[in-house]
Amino acid sequence: MVDRFVEAGCEVFGCARSEETVLEIAREYGAPHDFACVDVTDDRAVGRWTERLISSGKVPDLLINNAGLINSSRVLWKVPADEFAEVVDVNVKGVFHVIRHFLPAMIEQGRGVVVNFSSGWGRSVSPEVAPYCATKFAVEGLTLALAEELPQGLAAVALNPGVIATDMLRSCFGPSAEHYPSPEEWSQRAAPFLLSLGPQNNGESLTAPA
């Protein structure tokens, strides 16, 4: 997505837990884009990151929450408690932390779209991924409730990105994951779609174009 947004003329800022990945992206794009190593499960770290950006005038028009983990495939009663907690921390608490620190500035500027990545497994279920399903159903509910709280001019959208050949998908689908679009292919269609979202989409549960 970063490639596509930069190509579209956007100023992009984002975060990831992998310091190596962040440094690589930062070297590639440089200013005015801004990338930082931040763990979204750490509310204080998210707060420091967002404060730095907002104080320098970087208030998002499009805020995308796409950090996500999936549990290792197994029936629910065999999922270790710490693994369940980590999935919840990233997929639900992480979304909340980012929203709560960015949204006041977005409200103050009077515009902005919050896109929370959901999943097909946030609207239906499959066996052996119950923790992941639970978190994505939570994202759907959180987003719909937030949409009713936002002032005019802003929007909150839950987005099912569709099926993409990522490492996460491979952990569930194995070799058959390669039958689906790569992240690069997906981004060609998804980025323009994301940039087209506006207040008219507030409260919608959408699916990215295939």
Protein backbone atom coordinates (compact mmCIF):
# COMPACT_ATOMS: atom_id res chain seq x y z
CA MET A 1 0.00 0.00 0.00
CA VAL A 2 2.84 2.40 0.76
CA ASP A 3 4.09 2.16 -2.83
CA ARG A 4 0.66 2.89 -4.25
CA PHE A 5 -0.06 5.81 -1.92
CA VAL A 6 3.31 7.42 -2.65
CA GLU A 7 2.68 6.98 -6.39
CA ALA A 8 -0.68 8.73 -5.89
CA GLY A 9 1.08 11.74 -4.38
CA CYS A 10 0.16 11.09 -0.76
CA GLU A 11 2.35 11.88 2.22
CA VAL A 12 2.55 8.57 4.05
CA PHE A 13 3.40 7.88 7.66
CA GLY A 14 3.15 4.53 9.34
CA CYS A 15 4.58 2.11 11.82
CA ALA A 16 5.55 -1.53 12.20
CA ARG A 17 7.14 -3.71 14.84
CA SER A 18 10.02 -4.78 12.60
CA GLU A 19 12.82 -2.25 12.95
CA GLU A 20 14.55 -3.68 9.87
CA THR A 21 11.44 -3.22 7.72
CA VAL A 22 10.85 0.29 9.01
CA LEU A 23 14.43 1.34 8.29
CA GLU A 24 14.25 -0.13 4.81
CA ILE A 25 11.05 1.76 3.97
CA ALA A 26 12.35 4.97 5.52
CA ARG A 27 15.55 4.78 3.46
CA GLU A 28 13.57 4.14 0.29
CA TYR A 29 11.14 7.03 0.61
CA GLY A 30 12.63 9.60 2.98
CA ALA A 31 10.97 12.92 3.80
CA PRO A 32 8.22 14.04 3.85
CA HIS A 33 7.14 10.45 4.52
CA ASP A 34 7.64 9.18 8.05
CA PHE A 35 7.99 5.62 9.33
CA ALA A 36 8.63 4.48 12.89
CA CYS A 37 9.12 1.28 14.84
CA VAL A 38 6.06 1.11 17.11
CA ASP A 39 4.24 -1.78 18.76
CA VAL A 40 0.53 -0.91 18.55
CA THR A 41 -0.19 -3.09 21.59
CA ASP A 42 1.77 -0.57 23.69
CA ASP A 43 -0.58 2.35 24.30
CA ARG A 44 2.17 4.63 25.64
CA ALA A 45 4.38 3.95 22.63
CA VAL A 46 1.49 4.69 20.29
CA GLY A 47 0.82 7.89 22.23
CA ARG A 48 4.43 9.08 21.88
CA TRP A 49 4.42 8.28 18.16
CA THR A 50 1.14 10.03 17.40
CA GLU A 51 2.05 13.07 19.51
CA ARG A 52 5.29 13.49 17.55
CA LEU A 53 3.40 13.36 14.26
CA ILE A 54 0.48 15.54 15.28
CA SER A 55 2.73 18.19 16.83
CA SER A 56 4.51 18.49 13.47
CA GLY A 57 1.22 18.90 11.61
CA LYS A 58 0.86 15.33 10.40
CA VAL A 59 -2.83 14.63 11.00
CA PRO A 60 -4.16 11.83 8.79
CA ASP A 61 -6.93 12.24 6.25
CA LEU A 62 -6.95 8.43 5.89
CA LEU A 63 -6.09 6.33 8.93
CA ILE A 64 -5.64 2.62 8.20
CA ASN A 65 -5.46 0.04 10.97
CA ASN A 66 -4.10 -3.07 9.28
CA ALA A 67 -1.84 -4.64 11.91
CA GLY A 68 -3.01 -8.19 12.51
CA LEU A 69 -2.08 -11.62 13.82
CA ILE A 70 -3.71 -15.00 13.42
CA ASN A 71 -3.52 -17.90 15.82
CA SER A 72 -1.83 -21.14 14.81
CA SER A 73 -4.56 -23.40 13.44
CA ARG A 74 -6.06 -25.49 16.23
CA VAL A 75 -9.36 -26.01 18.02
CA LEU A 76 -10.18 -23.29 20.53
CA TRP A 77 -9.66 -25.33 23.68
CA LYS A 78 -6.11 -26.13 22.60
CA VAL A 79 -5.10 -22.52 21.96
CA PRO A 80 -2.56 -21.41 24.60
CA ALA A 81 -3.79 -18.52 26.72
CA ASP A 82 -0.82 -16.33 25.86
CA GLU A 83 -1.38 -16.86 22.14
CA PHE A 84 -5.07 -15.93 22.44
CA ALA A 85 -4.11 -12.81 24.38
CA GLU A 86 -1.56 -11.74 21.77
CA VAL A 87 -4.10 -12.02 18.95
CA VAL A 88 -6.57 -9.92 20.94
CA ASP A 89 -3.89 -7.38 21.89
CA VAL A 90 -2.83 -6.74 18.29
CA ASN A 91 -6.13 -7.11 16.44
CA VAL A 92 -8.42 -5.30 18.87
CA LYS A 93 -6.44 -3.31 21.42
CA GLY A 94 -3.99 -2.13 18.77
CA VAL A 95 -6.83 -0.70 16.70
CA PHE A 96 -8.21 1.07 19.75
CA HIS A 97 -4.85 2.54 20.75
CA VAL A 98 -4.22 4.05 17.32
CA ILE A 99 -7.74 5.43 17.01
CA ARG A 100 -7.81 6.99 20.44
CA HIS A 101 -4.56 8.87 19.90
CA PHE A 102 -5.18 10.08 16.33
CA LEU A 103 -8.92 10.71 16.29
CA PRO A 104 -9.10 13.88 18.45
CA ALA A 105 -6.81 15.68 15.98
CA MET A 106 -8.83 14.37 13.04
CA ILE A 107 -12.02 15.63 14.65
CA GLU A 108 -10.39 19.00 15.26
CA GLN A 109 -9.43 19.30 11.59
CA GLY A 110 -12.99 18.34 10.65
CA ARG A 111 -12.25 15.52 8.24
CA GLY A 112 -10.80 12.05 7.94
CA VAL A 113 -11.63 8.42 7.29
CA VAL A 114 -10.73 5.60 9.68
CA VAL A 115 -10.43 2.22 7.97
CA ASN A 116 -10.17 -0.79 10.25
CA PHE A 117 -9.14 -3.97 8.51
CA SER A 118 -11.60 -6.73 9.23
CA SER A 119 -11.79 -10.06 7.39
CA GLY A 120 -14.17 -12.48 5.78
CA TRP A 121 -13.69 -14.20 9.14
CA GLY A 122 -15.16 -11.13 10.79
CA ARG A 123 -18.46 -11.85 9.07
CA SER A 124 -18.40 -15.66 8.91
CA VAL A 125 -16.40 -18.39 10.67
CA SER A 126 -14.24 -21.44 10.07
CA PRO A 127 -12.85 -24.05 12.46
CA GLU A 128 -9.44 -23.69 14.08
CA VAL A 129 -9.31 -19.89 13.78
CA ALA A 130 -11.76 -18.97 16.55
CA PRO A 131 -9.48 -16.39 18.23
CA TYR A 132 -8.92 -14.60 14.93
CA CYS A 133 -12.63 -14.71 14.09
CA ALA A 134 -13.47 -13.30 17.51
CA THR A 135 -11.14 -10.34 17.04
CA LYS A 136 -12.39 -9.52 13.56
CA PHE A 137 -16.01 -9.68 14.69
CA ALA A 138 -14.90 -7.26 17.41
CA VAL A 139 -13.38 -4.93 14.82
CA GLU A 140 -16.67 -4.91 12.92
CA GLY A 141 -18.62 -4.00 16.05
CA LEU A 142 -16.12 -1.44 17.25
CA THR A 143 -16.14 0.26 13.84
CA LEU A 144 -19.93 0.37 13.55
CA ALA A 145 -20.26 1.84 17.04
CA LEU A 146 -17.52 4.39 16.35
CA ALA A 147 -19.31 5.43 13.16
CA GLU A 148 -22.33 6.47 15.22
CA GLU A 149 -20.15 8.59 17.48
CA LEU A 150 -18.27 10.55 14.82
CA PRO A 151 -19.17 14.15 13.97
CA GLN A 152 -20.20 15.09 10.46
CA GLY A 153 -17.37 15.07 7.95
CA LEU A 154 -15.63 11.97 9.30
CA ALA A 155 -16.15 8.29 8.64
CA ALA A 156 -15.30 4.90 10.12
CA VAL A 157 -15.29 1.89 7.81
CA ALA A 158 -14.68 -1.81 8.41
CA LEU A 159 -12.90 -3.27 5.41
CA ASN A 160 -12.58 -6.92 4.46
CA PRO A 161 -9.43 -6.80 2.33
CA GLY A 162 -10.27 -10.11 0.65
CA VAL A 163 -7.99 -13.12 0.35
CA ILE A 164 -4.34 -12.23 -0.25
CA ALA A 165 -1.31 -14.50 -0.55
CA THR A 166 0.44 -13.42 2.63
CA ASP A 167 2.41 -15.38 5.21
CA MET A 168 -0.69 -15.23 7.39
CA LEU A 169 -2.77 -16.93 4.70
CA ARG A 170 -0.09 -19.53 4.10
CA SER A 171 -0.25 -20.49 7.78
CA CYS A 172 -3.90 -21.48 7.22
CA PHE A 173 -4.13 -22.46 3.56
CA GLY A 174 -0.66 -23.88 2.95
CA PRO A 175 0.45 -24.04 -0.73
CA SER A 176 -3.06 -23.21 -1.97
CA ALA A 177 -2.51 -19.65 -0.73
CA GLU A 178 -0.54 -19.02 -3.91
CA HIS A 179 -3.77 -19.19 -5.92
CA TYR A 180 -4.71 -15.78 -4.53
CA PRO A 181 -3.40 -12.30 -5.46
CA SER A 182 -0.04 -11.22 -4.10
CA PRO A 183 0.08 -8.10 -1.88
CA GLU A 184 1.53 -6.21 -4.85
CA GLU A 185 -1.34 -7.24 -7.14
CA TRP A 186 -3.90 -6.55 -4.43
CA SER A 187 -2.55 -3.07 -3.72
CA GLN A 188 -3.05 -1.98 -7.34
CA ARG A 189 -6.82 -2.24 -6.87
CA ALA A 190 -7.10 -1.59 -3.14
CA ALA A 191 -5.21 1.71 -2.89
CA PRO A 192 -7.46 3.66 -5.29
CA PHE A 193 -10.48 2.17 -3.54
CA LEU A 194 -9.21 3.27 -0.13
CA LEU A 195 -8.45 6.77 -1.39
CA SER A 196 -12.01 7.05 -2.75
CA LEU A 197 -13.62 6.57 0.68
CA GLY A 198 -15.24 9.54 2.36
CA PRO A 199 -17.95 10.66 4.78
CA GLN A 200 -20.57 9.03 2.56
CA ASN A 201 -19.17 5.63 3.59
CA ASN A 202 -19.47 6.14 7.33
CA GLY A 203 -20.64 2.99 9.10
CA GLU A 204 -20.28 0.72 6.09
CA SER A 205 -18.76 -2.75 6.17
CA LEU A 206 -17.02 -2.98 2.83
CA THR A 207 -14.95 -5.47 0.87
CA ALA A 208 -11.96 -4.40 -1.22
CA PRO A 209 -12.32 -4.96 -4.98
CA ALA A 210 -11.09 -8.36 -6.15
